[in-house]
Full PDB file with SEQRES, HELIX, SHEET, SSBOND, CRYST1, ORIGX, SCALE, CONECT and MASTER records, all heavy atoms in Angstrom:
SEQRES   1 A   34  SER ARG PHE TYR THR THR ASN LEU GLY TYR ASN LEU GLY          
SEQRES   2 A   34  VAL LYS ALA ILE PRO ILE ILE LYS ALA GLN SER GLU LYS          
SEQRES   3 A   34  ILE GLY LYS ALA ALA SER VAL LEU                              
HELIX    1 AA1 ARG A    2  LEU A   12  1                                  11    
HELIX    2 AA2 GLY A   13  LYS A   15  5                                   3    
HELIX    3 AA3 ALA A   16  VAL A   33  1                                  18    
CRYST1    1.000    1.000    1.000  90.00  90.00  90.00 P 1           1          
ORIGX1      1.000000  0.000000  0.000000        0.00000                         
ORIGX2      0.000000  1.000000  0.000000        0.00000                         
ORIGX3      0.000000  0.000000  1.000000        0.00000                         
SCALE1      1.000000  0.000000  0.000000        0.00000                         
SCALE2      0.000000  1.000000  0.000000        0.00000                         
SCALE3      0.000000  0.000000  1.000000        0.00000                         
ATOM      1  N   SER A   1      -7.245  -2.659  -3.499  1.00  0.00           N  
ATOM      2  CA  SER A   1      -6.206  -3.681  -3.656  1.00  0.00           C  
ATOM      3  C   SER A   1      -5.084  -3.504  -2.638  1.00  0.00           C  
ATOM      4  O   SER A   1      -4.318  -4.436  -2.384  1.00  0.00           O  
ATOM      5  CB  SER A   1      -5.634  -3.638  -5.074  1.00  0.00           C  
ATOM      6  OG  SER A   1      -4.863  -2.454  -5.298  1.00  0.00           O  
ATOM      7  N   ARG A   2      -4.967  -2.310  -2.031  1.00  0.00           N  
ATOM      8  CA  ARG A   2      -3.960  -2.078  -0.992  1.00  0.00           C  
ATOM      9  C   ARG A   2      -4.150  -3.027   0.188  1.00  0.00           C  
ATOM     10  O   ARG A   2      -3.176  -3.462   0.802  1.00  0.00           O  
ATOM     11  CB  ARG A   2      -4.035  -0.631  -0.497  1.00  0.00           C  
ATOM     12  CG  ARG A   2      -3.602   0.412  -1.513  1.00  0.00           C  
ATOM     13  CD  ARG A   2      -3.861   1.811  -0.983  1.00  0.00           C  
ATOM     14  NE  ARG A   2      -3.490   2.833  -1.954  1.00  0.00           N  
ATOM     15  CZ  ARG A   2      -2.320   3.452  -1.986  1.00  0.00           C  
ATOM     16  NH1 ARG A   2      -1.400   3.140  -1.094  1.00  0.00           N  
ATOM     17  NH2 ARG A   2      -2.057   4.372  -2.896  1.00  0.00           N  
ATOM     18  N   PHE A   3      -5.406  -3.308   0.511  1.00  0.00           N  
ATOM     19  CA  PHE A   3      -5.661  -4.210   1.641  1.00  0.00           C  
ATOM     20  C   PHE A   3      -5.120  -5.611   1.340  1.00  0.00           C  
ATOM     21  O   PHE A   3      -4.527  -6.251   2.209  1.00  0.00           O  
ATOM     22  CB  PHE A   3      -7.162  -4.265   1.933  1.00  0.00           C  
ATOM     23  CG  PHE A   3      -7.730  -2.963   2.420  1.00  0.00           C  
ATOM     24  CD1 PHE A   3      -8.387  -2.101   1.561  1.00  0.00           C  
ATOM     25  CD2 PHE A   3      -7.592  -2.587   3.752  1.00  0.00           C  
ATOM     26  CE1 PHE A   3      -8.904  -0.898   2.010  1.00  0.00           C  
ATOM     27  CE2 PHE A   3      -8.093  -1.386   4.206  1.00  0.00           C  
ATOM     28  CZ  PHE A   3      -8.752  -0.536   3.340  1.00  0.00           C  
ATOM     29  N   TYR A   4      -5.335  -6.053   0.113  1.00  0.00           N  
ATOM     30  CA  TYR A   4      -4.854  -7.388  -0.270  1.00  0.00           C  
ATOM     31  C   TYR A   4      -3.338  -7.437  -0.285  1.00  0.00           C  
ATOM     32  O   TYR A   4      -2.726  -8.352   0.296  1.00  0.00           O  
ATOM     33  CB  TYR A   4      -5.415  -7.769  -1.636  1.00  0.00           C  
ATOM     34  CG  TYR A   4      -4.810  -9.043  -2.186  1.00  0.00           C  
ATOM     35  CD1 TYR A   4      -5.203 -10.279  -1.687  1.00  0.00           C  
ATOM     36  CD2 TYR A   4      -3.844  -9.000  -3.195  1.00  0.00           C  
ATOM     37  CE1 TYR A   4      -4.638 -11.457  -2.177  1.00  0.00           C  
ATOM     38  CE2 TYR A   4      -3.275 -10.166  -3.688  1.00  0.00           C  
ATOM     39  CZ  TYR A   4      -3.677 -11.387  -3.174  1.00  0.00           C  
ATOM     40  OH  TYR A   4      -3.106 -12.544  -3.649  1.00  0.00           O  
ATOM     41  N   THR A   5      -2.698  -6.463  -0.946  1.00  0.00           N  
ATOM     42  CA  THR A   5      -1.243  -6.512  -1.087  1.00  0.00           C  
ATOM     43  C   THR A   5      -0.529  -6.324   0.257  1.00  0.00           C  
ATOM     44  O   THR A   5       0.500  -6.953   0.508  1.00  0.00           O  
ATOM     45  CB  THR A   5      -0.751  -5.446  -2.079  1.00  0.00           C  
ATOM     46  OG1 THR A   5      -1.222  -4.149  -1.670  1.00  0.00           O  
ATOM     47  CG2 THR A   5      -1.255  -5.741  -3.489  1.00  0.00           C  
ATOM     48  N   THR A   6      -1.083  -5.472   1.136  1.00  0.00           N  
ATOM     49  CA  THR A   6      -0.453  -5.257   2.440  1.00  0.00           C  
ATOM     50  C   THR A   6      -0.541  -6.515   3.292  1.00  0.00           C  
ATOM     51  O   THR A   6       0.442  -6.924   3.926  1.00  0.00           O  
ATOM     52  CB  THR A   6      -1.108  -4.077   3.176  1.00  0.00           C  
ATOM     53  OG1 THR A   6      -1.077  -2.915   2.341  1.00  0.00           O  
ATOM     54  CG2 THR A   6      -0.390  -3.770   4.475  1.00  0.00           C  
ATOM     55  N   ASN A   7      -1.711  -7.149   3.313  1.00  0.00           N  
ATOM     56  CA  ASN A   7      -1.856  -8.400   4.051  1.00  0.00           C  
ATOM     57  C   ASN A   7      -1.015  -9.506   3.442  1.00  0.00           C  
ATOM     58  O   ASN A   7      -0.461 -10.339   4.158  1.00  0.00           O  
ATOM     59  CB  ASN A   7      -3.330  -8.823   4.082  1.00  0.00           C  
ATOM     60  CG  ASN A   7      -4.122  -8.120   5.171  1.00  0.00           C  
ATOM     61  OD1 ASN A   7      -4.117  -8.533   6.327  1.00  0.00           O  
ATOM     62  ND2 ASN A   7      -4.809  -7.043   4.799  1.00  0.00           N  
ATOM     63  N   LEU A   8      -0.898  -9.500   2.105  1.00  0.00           N  
ATOM     64  CA  LEU A   8      -0.077 -10.505   1.432  1.00  0.00           C  
ATOM     65  C   LEU A   8       1.384 -10.367   1.849  1.00  0.00           C  
ATOM     66  O   LEU A   8       2.047 -11.367   2.178  1.00  0.00           O  
ATOM     67  CB  LEU A   8      -0.201 -10.352  -0.090  1.00  0.00           C  
ATOM     68  CG  LEU A   8       0.621 -11.317  -0.943  1.00  0.00           C  
ATOM     69  CD1 LEU A   8       0.174 -12.754  -0.703  1.00  0.00           C  
ATOM     70  CD2 LEU A   8       0.492 -10.955  -2.422  1.00  0.00           C  
ATOM     71  N   GLY A   9       1.898  -9.145   1.849  1.00  0.00           N  
ATOM     72  CA  GLY A   9       3.280  -8.919   2.255  1.00  0.00           C  
ATOM     73  C   GLY A   9       3.516  -9.334   3.693  1.00  0.00           C  
ATOM     74  O   GLY A   9       4.535  -9.960   4.013  1.00  0.00           O  
ATOM     75  N   TYR A  10       2.571  -9.004   4.561  1.00  0.00           N  
ATOM     76  CA  TYR A  10       2.710  -9.359   5.980  1.00  0.00           C  
ATOM     77  C   TYR A  10       2.692 -10.869   6.189  1.00  0.00           C  
ATOM     78  O   TYR A  10       3.499 -11.410   6.944  1.00  0.00           O  
ATOM     79  CB  TYR A  10       1.594  -8.702   6.775  1.00  0.00           C  
ATOM     80  CG  TYR A  10       1.573  -9.090   8.237  1.00  0.00           C  
ATOM     81  CD1 TYR A  10       2.543  -8.619   9.117  1.00  0.00           C  
ATOM     82  CD2 TYR A  10       0.577  -9.927   8.735  1.00  0.00           C  
ATOM     83  CE1 TYR A  10       2.526  -8.976  10.459  1.00  0.00           C  
ATOM     84  CE2 TYR A  10       0.547 -10.285  10.079  1.00  0.00           C  
ATOM     85  CZ  TYR A  10       1.523  -9.816  10.931  1.00  0.00           C  
ATOM     86  OH  TYR A  10       1.509 -10.178  12.263  1.00  0.00           O  
ATOM     87  N   ASN A  11       1.773 -11.550   5.516  1.00  0.00           N  
ATOM     88  CA  ASN A  11       1.640 -12.997   5.703  1.00  0.00           C  
ATOM     89  C   ASN A  11       2.780 -13.784   5.061  1.00  0.00           C  
ATOM     90  O   ASN A  11       3.190 -14.835   5.564  1.00  0.00           O  
ATOM     91  CB  ASN A  11       0.300 -13.478   5.140  1.00  0.00           C  
ATOM     92  CG  ASN A  11      -0.877 -12.961   5.943  1.00  0.00           C  
ATOM     93  OD1 ASN A  11      -0.789 -12.832   7.165  1.00  0.00           O  
ATOM     94  ND2 ASN A  11      -1.972 -12.642   5.278  1.00  0.00           N  
ATOM     95  N   LEU A  12       3.301 -13.274   3.942  1.00  0.00           N  
ATOM     96  CA  LEU A  12       4.417 -13.971   3.298  1.00  0.00           C  
ATOM     97  C   LEU A  12       5.727 -13.759   4.051  1.00  0.00           C  
ATOM     98  O   LEU A  12       6.556 -14.667   4.133  1.00  0.00           O  
ATOM     99  CB  LEU A  12       4.578 -13.479   1.857  1.00  0.00           C  
ATOM    100  CG  LEU A  12       3.555 -13.959   0.846  1.00  0.00           C  
ATOM    101  CD1 LEU A  12       3.832 -13.328  -0.509  1.00  0.00           C  
ATOM    102  CD2 LEU A  12       3.578 -15.480   0.713  1.00  0.00           C  
ATOM    103  N   GLY A  13       5.900 -12.541   4.612  1.00  0.00           N  
ATOM    104  CA  GLY A  13       7.139 -12.257   5.317  1.00  0.00           C  
ATOM    105  C   GLY A  13       8.339 -12.435   4.414  1.00  0.00           C  
ATOM    106  O   GLY A  13       8.311 -12.107   3.226  1.00  0.00           O  
ATOM    107  N   VAL A  14       9.403 -12.989   4.941  1.00  0.00           N  
ATOM    108  CA  VAL A  14      10.633 -13.152   4.172  1.00  0.00           C  
ATOM    109  C   VAL A  14      10.494 -14.188   3.070  1.00  0.00           C  
ATOM    110  O   VAL A  14      11.342 -14.261   2.167  1.00  0.00           O  
ATOM    111  CB  VAL A  14      11.810 -13.537   5.093  1.00  0.00           C  
ATOM    112  CG1 VAL A  14      12.143 -12.410   6.019  1.00  0.00           C  
ATOM    113  CG2 VAL A  14      11.495 -14.804   5.885  1.00  0.00           C  
ATOM    114  N   LYS A  15       9.429 -14.991   3.088  1.00  0.00           N  
ATOM    115  CA  LYS A  15       9.231 -15.988   2.036  1.00  0.00           C  
ATOM    116  C   LYS A  15       8.968 -15.333   0.685  1.00  0.00           C  
ATOM    117  O   LYS A  15       9.122 -15.966  -0.360  1.00  0.00           O  
ATOM    118  CB  LYS A  15       8.059 -16.908   2.397  1.00  0.00           C  
ATOM    119  CG  LYS A  15       8.315 -17.800   3.608  1.00  0.00           C  
ATOM    120  CD  LYS A  15       7.161 -18.753   3.850  1.00  0.00           C  
ATOM    121  CE  LYS A  15       5.903 -18.020   4.256  1.00  0.00           C  
ATOM    122  NZ  LYS A  15       4.791 -18.949   4.585  1.00  0.00           N  
ATOM    123  N   ALA A  16       8.548 -14.050   0.703  1.00  0.00           N  
ATOM    124  CA  ALA A  16       8.226 -13.362  -0.548  1.00  0.00           C  
ATOM    125  C   ALA A  16       9.463 -12.893  -1.292  1.00  0.00           C  
ATOM    126  O   ALA A  16       9.405 -12.608  -2.487  1.00  0.00           O  
ATOM    127  CB  ALA A  16       7.334 -12.159  -0.257  1.00  0.00           C  
ATOM    128  N   ILE A  17      10.584 -12.803  -0.617  1.00  0.00           N  
ATOM    129  CA  ILE A  17      11.785 -12.201  -1.203  1.00  0.00           C  
ATOM    130  C   ILE A  17      12.257 -12.911  -2.472  1.00  0.00           C  
ATOM    131  O   ILE A  17      12.442 -12.279  -3.509  1.00  0.00           O  
ATOM    132  CB  ILE A  17      12.912 -12.129  -0.158  1.00  0.00           C  
ATOM    133  CG1 ILE A  17      12.470 -11.222   0.991  1.00  0.00           C  
ATOM    134  CG2 ILE A  17      14.203 -11.616  -0.777  1.00  0.00           C  
ATOM    135  CD1 ILE A  17      13.328 -11.335   2.218  1.00  0.00           C  
ATOM    136  N   PRO A  18      12.486 -14.233  -2.452  1.00  0.00           N  
ATOM    137  CA  PRO A  18      12.942 -14.886  -3.687  1.00  0.00           C  
ATOM    138  C   PRO A  18      11.918 -14.814  -4.814  1.00  0.00           C  
ATOM    139  O   PRO A  18      12.281 -14.766  -5.988  1.00  0.00           O  
ATOM    140  CB  PRO A  18      13.190 -16.333  -3.246  1.00  0.00           C  
ATOM    141  CG  PRO A  18      12.397 -16.507  -1.999  1.00  0.00           C  
ATOM    142  CD  PRO A  18      12.412 -15.175  -1.324  1.00  0.00           C  
ATOM    143  N   ILE A  19      10.633 -14.782  -4.474  1.00  0.00           N  
ATOM    144  CA  ILE A  19       9.580 -14.691  -5.499  1.00  0.00           C  
ATOM    145  C   ILE A  19       9.666 -13.353  -6.215  1.00  0.00           C  
ATOM    146  O   ILE A  19       9.610 -13.277  -7.449  1.00  0.00           O  
ATOM    147  CB  ILE A  19       8.186 -14.863  -4.858  1.00  0.00           C  
ATOM    148  CG1 ILE A  19       8.071 -16.245  -4.205  1.00  0.00           C  
ATOM    149  CG2 ILE A  19       7.082 -14.676  -5.899  1.00  0.00           C  
ATOM    150  CD1 ILE A  19       6.774 -16.435  -3.431  1.00  0.00           C  
ATOM    151  N   ILE A  20       9.794 -12.277  -5.439  1.00  0.00           N  
ATOM    152  CA  ILE A  20       9.873 -10.941  -6.025  1.00  0.00           C  
ATOM    153  C   ILE A  20      11.093 -10.814  -6.918  1.00  0.00           C  
ATOM    154  O   ILE A  20      11.025 -10.332  -8.047  1.00  0.00           O  
ATOM    155  CB  ILE A  20       9.922  -9.876  -4.914  1.00  0.00           C  
ATOM    156  CG1 ILE A  20       8.614  -9.879  -4.126  1.00  0.00           C  
ATOM    157  CG2 ILE A  20      10.165  -8.481  -5.493  1.00  0.00           C  
ATOM    158  CD1 ILE A  20       8.643  -8.992  -2.897  1.00  0.00           C  
ATOM    159  N   LYS A  21      12.234 -11.260  -6.413  1.00  0.00           N  
ATOM    160  CA  LYS A  21      13.468 -11.129  -7.170  1.00  0.00           C  
ATOM    161  C   LYS A  21      13.435 -11.947  -8.458  1.00  0.00           C  
ATOM    162  O   LYS A  21      13.959 -11.544  -9.488  1.00  0.00           O  
ATOM    163  CB  LYS A  21      14.657 -11.553  -6.304  1.00  0.00           C  
ATOM    164  CG  LYS A  21      14.990 -10.558  -5.203  1.00  0.00           C  
ATOM    165  CD  LYS A  21      16.255 -10.953  -4.470  1.00  0.00           C  
ATOM    166  CE  LYS A  21      16.651  -9.894  -3.455  1.00  0.00           C  
ATOM    167  NZ  LYS A  21      17.892 -10.265  -2.728  1.00  0.00           N  
ATOM    168  N   ALA A  22      12.798 -13.122  -8.407  1.00  0.00           N  
ATOM    169  CA  ALA A  22      12.783 -14.011  -9.570  1.00  0.00           C  
ATOM    170  C   ALA A  22      11.811 -13.542 -10.649  1.00  0.00           C  
ATOM    171  O   ALA A  22      12.056 -13.723 -11.842  1.00  0.00           O  
ATOM    172  CB  ALA A  22      12.427 -15.436  -9.138  1.00  0.00           C  
ATOM    173  N   GLN A  23      10.692 -12.933 -10.244  1.00  0.00           N  
ATOM    174  CA  GLN A  23       9.629 -12.616 -11.198  1.00  0.00           C  
ATOM    175  C   GLN A  23       9.523 -11.149 -11.567  1.00  0.00           C  
ATOM    176  O   GLN A  23       8.782 -10.799 -12.482  1.00  0.00           O  
ATOM    177  CB  GLN A  23       8.272 -13.085 -10.629  1.00  0.00           C  
ATOM    178  CG  GLN A  23       8.202 -14.554 -10.293  1.00  0.00           C  
ATOM    179  CD  GLN A  23       8.441 -15.446 -11.503  1.00  0.00           C  
ATOM    180  OE1 GLN A  23       8.031 -15.120 -12.623  1.00  0.00           O  
ATOM    181  NE2 GLN A  23       9.091 -16.591 -11.294  1.00  0.00           N  
ATOM    182  N   SER A  24      10.206 -10.262 -10.852  1.00  0.00           N  
ATOM    183  CA  SER A  24      10.024  -8.830 -11.075  1.00  0.00           C  
ATOM    184  C   SER A  24      10.339  -8.418 -12.510  1.00  0.00           C  
ATOM    185  O   SER A  24       9.598  -7.657 -13.131  1.00  0.00           O  
ATOM    186  CB  SER A  24      10.892  -8.025 -10.100  1.00  0.00           C  
ATOM    187  OG  SER A  24      12.259  -8.301 -10.308  1.00  0.00           O  
ATOM    188  N   GLU A  25      11.431  -8.917 -13.065  1.00  0.00           N  
ATOM    189  CA  GLU A  25      11.825  -8.536 -14.420  1.00  0.00           C  
ATOM    190  C   GLU A  25      10.817  -9.036 -15.459  1.00  0.00           C  
ATOM    191  O   GLU A  25      10.447  -8.306 -16.379  1.00  0.00           O  
ATOM    192  CB  GLU A  25      13.214  -9.087 -14.728  1.00  0.00           C  
ATOM    193  CG  GLU A  25      13.744  -8.636 -16.088  1.00  0.00           C  
ATOM    194  CD  GLU A  25      15.160  -9.100 -16.352  1.00  0.00           C  
ATOM    195  OE1 GLU A  25      15.798  -9.643 -15.419  1.00  0.00           O  
ATOM    196  OE2 GLU A  25      15.633  -8.917 -17.489  1.00  0.00           O  
ATOM    197  N   LYS A  26      10.349 -10.287 -15.297  1.00  0.00           N  
ATOM    198  CA  LYS A  26       9.390 -10.849 -16.248  1.00  0.00           C  
ATOM    199  C   LYS A  26       8.061 -10.105 -16.205  1.00  0.00           C  
ATOM    200  O   LYS A  26       7.492  -9.749 -17.246  1.00  0.00           O  
ATOM    201  CB  LYS A  26       9.167 -12.336 -15.932  1.00  0.00           C  
ATOM    202  CG  LYS A  26      10.384 -13.218 -16.137  1.00  0.00           C  
ATOM    203  CD  LYS A  26      10.072 -14.661 -15.800  1.00  0.00           C  
ATOM    204  CE  LYS A  26      11.308 -15.553 -15.968  1.00  0.00           C  
ATOM    205  NZ  LYS A  26      11.017 -16.958 -15.589  1.00  0.00           N  
ATOM    206  N   ILE A  27       7.556  -9.872 -15.001  1.00  0.00           N  
ATOM    207  CA  ILE A  27       6.271  -9.177 -14.857  1.00  0.00           C  
ATOM    208  C   ILE A  27       6.362  -7.754 -15.392  1.00  0.00           C  
ATOM    209  O   ILE A  27       5.497  -7.291 -16.133  1.00  0.00           O  
ATOM    210  CB  ILE A  27       5.843  -9.156 -13.373  1.00  0.00           C  
ATOM    211  CG1 ILE A  27       5.596 -10.582 -12.868  1.00  0.00           C  
ATOM    212  CG2 ILE A  27       4.578  -8.306 -13.188  1.00  0.00           C  
ATOM    213  CD1 ILE A  27       5.329 -10.672 -11.379  1.00  0.00           C  
ATOM    214  N   GLY A  28       7.429  -7.064 -15.033  1.00  0.00           N  
ATOM    215  CA  GLY A  28       7.601  -5.691 -15.489  1.00  0.00           C  
ATOM    216  C   GLY A  28       7.706  -5.590 -16.994  1.00  0.00           C  
ATOM    217  O   GLY A  28       7.110  -4.718 -17.614  1.00  0.00           O  
ATOM    218  N   LYS A  29       8.466  -6.504 -17.617  1.00  0.00           N  
ATOM    219  CA  LYS A  29       8.649  -6.464 -19.064  1.00  0.00           C  
ATOM    220  C   LYS A  29       7.349  -6.767 -19.790  1.00  0.00           C  
ATOM    221  O   LYS A  29       7.000  -6.091 -20.767  1.00  0.00           O  
ATOM    222  CB  LYS A  29       9.719  -7.474 -19.485  1.00  0.00           C  
ATOM    223  CG  LYS A  29      10.034  -7.428 -20.967  1.00  0.00           C  
ATOM    224  CD  LYS A  29      11.179  -8.371 -21.324  1.00  0.00           C  
ATOM    225  CE  LYS A  29      11.513  -8.289 -22.805  1.00  0.00           C  
ATOM    226  NZ  LYS A  29      12.634  -9.204 -23.164  1.00  0.00           N  
ATOM    227  N   ALA A  30       6.606  -7.782 -19.317  1.00  0.00           N  
ATOM    228  CA  ALA A  30       5.342  -8.145 -19.965  1.00  0.00           C  
ATOM    229  C   ALA A  30       4.332  -7.006 -19.888  1.00  0.00           C  
ATOM    230  O   ALA A  30       3.666  -6.670 -20.875  1.00  0.00           O  
ATOM    231  CB  ALA A  30       4.764  -9.401 -19.305  1.00  0.00           C  
ATOM    232  N   ALA A  31       4.231  -6.391 -18.705  1.00  0.00           N  
ATOM    233  CA  ALA A  31       3.288  -5.286 -18.539  1.00  0.00           C  
ATOM    234  C   ALA A  31       3.697  -4.080 -19.375  1.00  0.00           C  
ATOM    235  O   ALA A  31       2.848  -3.394 -19.948  1.00  0.00           O  
ATOM    236  CB  ALA A  31       3.202  -4.900 -17.062  1.00  0.00           C  
ATOM    237  N   SER A  32       4.995  -3.833 -19.469  1.00  0.00           N  
ATOM    238  CA  SER A  32       5.485  -2.703 -20.266  1.00  0.00           C  
ATOM    239  C   SER A  32       5.179  -2.890 -21.748  1.00  0.00           C  
ATOM    240  O   SER A  32       4.770  -1.954 -22.431  1.00  0.00           O  
ATOM    241  CB  SER A  32       6.995  -2.529 -20.066  1.00  0.00           C  
ATOM    242  OG  SER A  32       7.289  -2.195 -18.737  1.00  0.00           O  
ATOM    243  N   VAL A  33       5.379  -4.112 -22.258  1.00  0.00           N  
ATOM    244  CA  VAL A  33       5.096  -4.397 -23.662  1.00  0.00           C  
ATOM    245  C   VAL A  33       3.623  -4.177 -23.964  1.00  0.00           C  
ATOM    246  O   VAL A  33       3.252  -3.556 -24.975  1.00  0.00           O  
ATOM    247  CB  VAL A  33       5.516  -5.839 -24.013  1.00  0.00           C  
ATOM    248  CG1 VAL A  33       4.999  -6.220 -25.393  1.00  0.00           C  
ATOM    249  CG2 VAL A  33       7.032  -5.983 -23.969  1.00  0.00           C  
ATOM    250  N   LEU A  34       2.755  -4.676 -23.076  1.00  0.00           N  
ATOM    251  CA  LEU A  34       1.317  -4.493 -23.270  1.00  0.00           C  
ATOM    252  C   LEU A  34       0.950  -3.018 -23.229  1.00  0.00           C  
ATOM    253  O   LEU A  34       0.180  -2.526 -24.064  1.00  0.00           O  
ATOM    254  CB  LEU A  34       0.546  -5.257 -22.189  1.00  0.00           C  
ATOM    255  CG  LEU A  34      -0.977  -5.102 -22.212  1.00  0.00           C  
ATOM    256  CD1 LEU A  34      -1.546  -5.590 -23.540  1.00  0.00           C  
ATOM    257  CD2 LEU A  34      -1.597  -5.870 -21.050  1.00  0.00           C  
TER     258      LEU A  34                                                      
MASTER        0    0    0    3    0    0    0    6  257    1    0    3          
END                                                                             
C-alpha cells in the first residue's frame, strides 16, 4: 500500500491539504471506535 499512498501524495500535491485537514478527525475517530 506504500506504493499507492506515495504516488497518491505526489499526484495530489497541495490539493490534498484541505482534504486531510477536513477528514483526519473523522477518519481517526471512526477507526479508533472500531
